[in-house]
Protein backbone atom coordinates (compact mmCIF):
# COMPACT_ATOMS: atom_id res chain seq x y z
CA MET A 1 57.21 15.90 -22.61
CA SER A 2 56.63 16.51 -26.52
CA ASP A 3 53.30 16.24 -27.92
CA LYS A 4 54.85 14.52 -30.69
CA LEU A 5 56.02 11.32 -29.06
CA LEU A 6 53.90 9.10 -30.46
CA PHE A 7 55.50 9.59 -34.24
CA SER A 8 59.19 9.71 -32.77
CA PRO A 9 61.21 7.07 -33.38
CA MET A 10 62.12 4.70 -31.01
CA THR A 11 65.68 2.17 -31.15
CA ILE A 12 64.89 -0.96 -28.67
CA ARG A 13 67.81 -3.49 -28.42
CA GLY A 14 69.51 -2.36 -32.06
CA VAL A 15 66.29 -2.33 -33.63
CA THR A 16 64.66 1.28 -34.51
CA LEU A 17 61.02 1.71 -35.23
CA LYS A 18 59.99 4.52 -37.24
CA ASN A 19 57.62 5.64 -34.69
CA ARG A 20 56.20 3.73 -31.03
CA ILE A 21 52.60 2.82 -33.00
CA VAL A 22 52.67 -0.98 -31.82
CA VAL A 23 50.07 -3.50 -33.80
CA PRO A 24 50.15 -6.68 -30.59
CA PRO A 25 49.29 -10.08 -31.78
CA MET A 26 45.71 -11.47 -32.20
CA HIS A 27 44.63 -14.98 -32.88
CA GLN A 28 43.35 -15.24 -36.52
CA TYR A 29 42.48 -18.35 -36.42
CA SER A 30 43.72 -18.38 -40.70
CA ALA A 31 46.13 -20.74 -40.77
CA GLU A 32 46.40 -24.03 -43.35
CA LYS A 33 47.83 -26.54 -41.78
CA GLY A 34 50.02 -23.99 -39.09
CA PHE A 35 50.75 -22.19 -43.21
CA PRO A 36 49.84 -18.53 -43.22
CA THR A 37 47.43 -17.52 -46.04
CA ASP A 38 47.31 -14.20 -47.67
CA TRP A 39 44.08 -13.19 -44.28
CA HIS A 40 47.83 -13.03 -42.87
CA LEU A 41 49.34 -11.04 -45.72
CA MET A 42 46.78 -8.62 -45.44
CA ASN A 43 45.15 -8.79 -42.04
CA ALA A 44 49.40 -7.46 -40.74
CA GLY A 45 50.17 -6.05 -44.15
CA LYS A 46 46.93 -3.43 -43.47
CA PHE A 47 48.96 -1.91 -39.62
CA ALA A 48 52.60 -1.61 -41.70
CA VAL A 49 50.55 0.36 -44.78
CA GLY A 50 49.02 2.16 -42.66
CA GLY A 51 51.93 3.75 -40.59
CA ALA A 52 52.58 1.63 -37.62
CA GLY A 53 55.97 1.14 -36.69
CA LEU A 54 55.98 -2.52 -35.13
CA VAL A 55 53.70 -5.62 -36.27
CA ILE A 56 53.33 -8.17 -33.79
CA VAL A 57 51.96 -11.40 -36.02
CA GLU A 58 49.52 -13.88 -33.88
CA SER A 59 50.65 -16.24 -31.75
CA THR A 60 52.74 -18.63 -33.85
CA LYS A 61 53.12 -22.00 -32.42
CA VAL A 62 56.43 -23.92 -32.13
CA GLU A 63 55.33 -27.12 -32.01
CA ARG A 64 52.31 -29.34 -33.65
CA ARG A 65 51.19 -30.53 -30.25
CA GLY A 66 51.11 -27.08 -28.89
CA CYS A 67 48.44 -25.91 -31.31
CA GLY A 68 45.37 -24.32 -29.69
CA THR A 69 43.28 -24.82 -31.82
CA ILE A 70 42.33 -25.63 -36.43
CA GLY A 71 44.05 -22.19 -37.57
CA ASP A 72 47.52 -21.41 -35.64
CA LEU A 73 50.12 -20.48 -36.71
CA GLY A 74 53.07 -22.82 -36.68
CA ILE A 75 57.04 -22.06 -37.08
CA TRP A 76 57.85 -26.11 -35.85
CA ASP A 77 59.40 -26.69 -39.23
CA ASP A 78 61.26 -24.93 -42.57
CA LYS A 79 58.26 -25.04 -44.28
CA PHE A 80 57.44 -22.29 -42.67
CA ILE A 81 60.22 -20.02 -43.42
CA ALA A 82 59.68 -18.91 -46.69
CA PRO A 83 55.38 -18.07 -46.62
CA LEU A 84 56.56 -16.16 -43.78
CA SER A 85 59.18 -14.57 -44.80
CA ARG A 86 56.20 -13.00 -47.21
CA LEU A 87 54.68 -11.39 -45.09
CA VAL A 88 57.94 -10.29 -43.34
CA GLY A 89 59.52 -9.28 -46.10
CA PHE A 90 55.99 -6.80 -47.44
CA ILE A 91 55.67 -5.43 -43.58
CA LYS A 92 59.28 -3.45 -44.22
CA GLN A 93 58.39 -2.61 -47.48
CA GLN A 94 56.03 -0.24 -46.02
CA SER A 95 58.80 0.79 -43.37
CA ALA A 96 57.56 -1.35 -40.87
CA VAL A 97 59.26 -4.01 -38.03
CA ALA A 98 57.76 -7.13 -38.03
CA GLY A 99 57.44 -8.90 -35.21
CA ILE A 100 56.47 -12.90 -33.84
CA GLN A 101 54.59 -13.92 -30.57
CA LEU A 102 55.90 -17.61 -29.94
CA GLY A 103 53.38 -19.94 -28.43
CA HIS A 104 52.14 -23.24 -26.97
CA SER A 105 48.75 -23.71 -25.39
CA GLY A 106 49.95 -26.62 -23.37
CA ARG A 107 46.86 -28.16 -21.56
CA LYS A 108 44.17 -25.48 -23.85
CA ALA A 109 45.42 -27.52 -26.81
CA ARG A 110 43.34 -29.45 -29.55
CA ALA A 111 40.04 -26.80 -28.75
CA SER A 112 37.47 -25.93 -30.33
CA ARG A 113 38.24 -21.91 -32.33
CA PRO A 114 36.37 -19.39 -29.46
CA TRP A 115 33.09 -18.72 -31.74
CA GLU A 116 32.64 -22.50 -32.11
CA GLY A 117 31.98 -22.93 -28.35
CA ASP A 118 35.91 -23.36 -27.08
CA ARG A 119 35.75 -27.09 -26.09
CA PRO A 120 37.02 -29.74 -27.04
CA LEU A 121 37.38 -30.80 -30.91
CA GLU A 122 36.08 -33.97 -31.94
CA ARG A 123 38.17 -36.21 -34.49
CA THR A 124 37.39 -35.35 -38.20
CA ALA A 125 38.82 -35.82 -41.84
CA GLU A 126 40.33 -32.32 -41.07
CA ILE A 127 42.22 -33.05 -38.84
CA GLU A 128 44.38 -35.70 -40.57
CA ASP A 129 47.04 -35.55 -37.95
CA TRP A 130 45.21 -36.09 -34.84
CA ASP A 131 47.88 -37.81 -33.42
CA ALA A 132 50.31 -35.84 -33.66
CA TRP A 133 48.77 -33.27 -31.76
CA THR A 134 48.30 -34.93 -28.35
CA PRO A 135 48.43 -32.12 -25.88
CA VAL A 136 51.07 -31.65 -23.49
CA ALA A 137 50.96 -29.47 -20.27
CA PRO A 138 54.31 -29.00 -17.78
CA SER A 139 51.90 -31.13 -15.46
CA ALA A 140 49.53 -33.77 -15.28
CA ILE A 141 47.43 -31.99 -12.58
CA ALA A 142 44.80 -29.93 -13.89
CA PRO A 143 45.14 -26.25 -12.31
């Protein structure tokens, strides 16, 4: 095997990566009401600028009830398209491929951020849509 395989192109289901360097999704907890911020552009963008072939954006929640904590990215409304497109556009400008991890926290939703103790959140004025954020899971039986 060639010692340069890491830097060779690879095609997966019709999508060609310029190399085999993949940035995995990493929770950043930096979204505002589900919307990506400049933090996301800078964080994902630095990996694309650095030469990664594929940059996977953090776990992005498919519905509000699926948000694990404050700061989760969302994709449950068309309002998220433009801000996410900005992020994807920048990644593509760097000749990288943008990926996204879709997620739903289920029973683990509505918890504090890990550095805040990873405990259930309490209702505060900061969370304007508390009632729309009722955790759901596939079963009422806790694991």
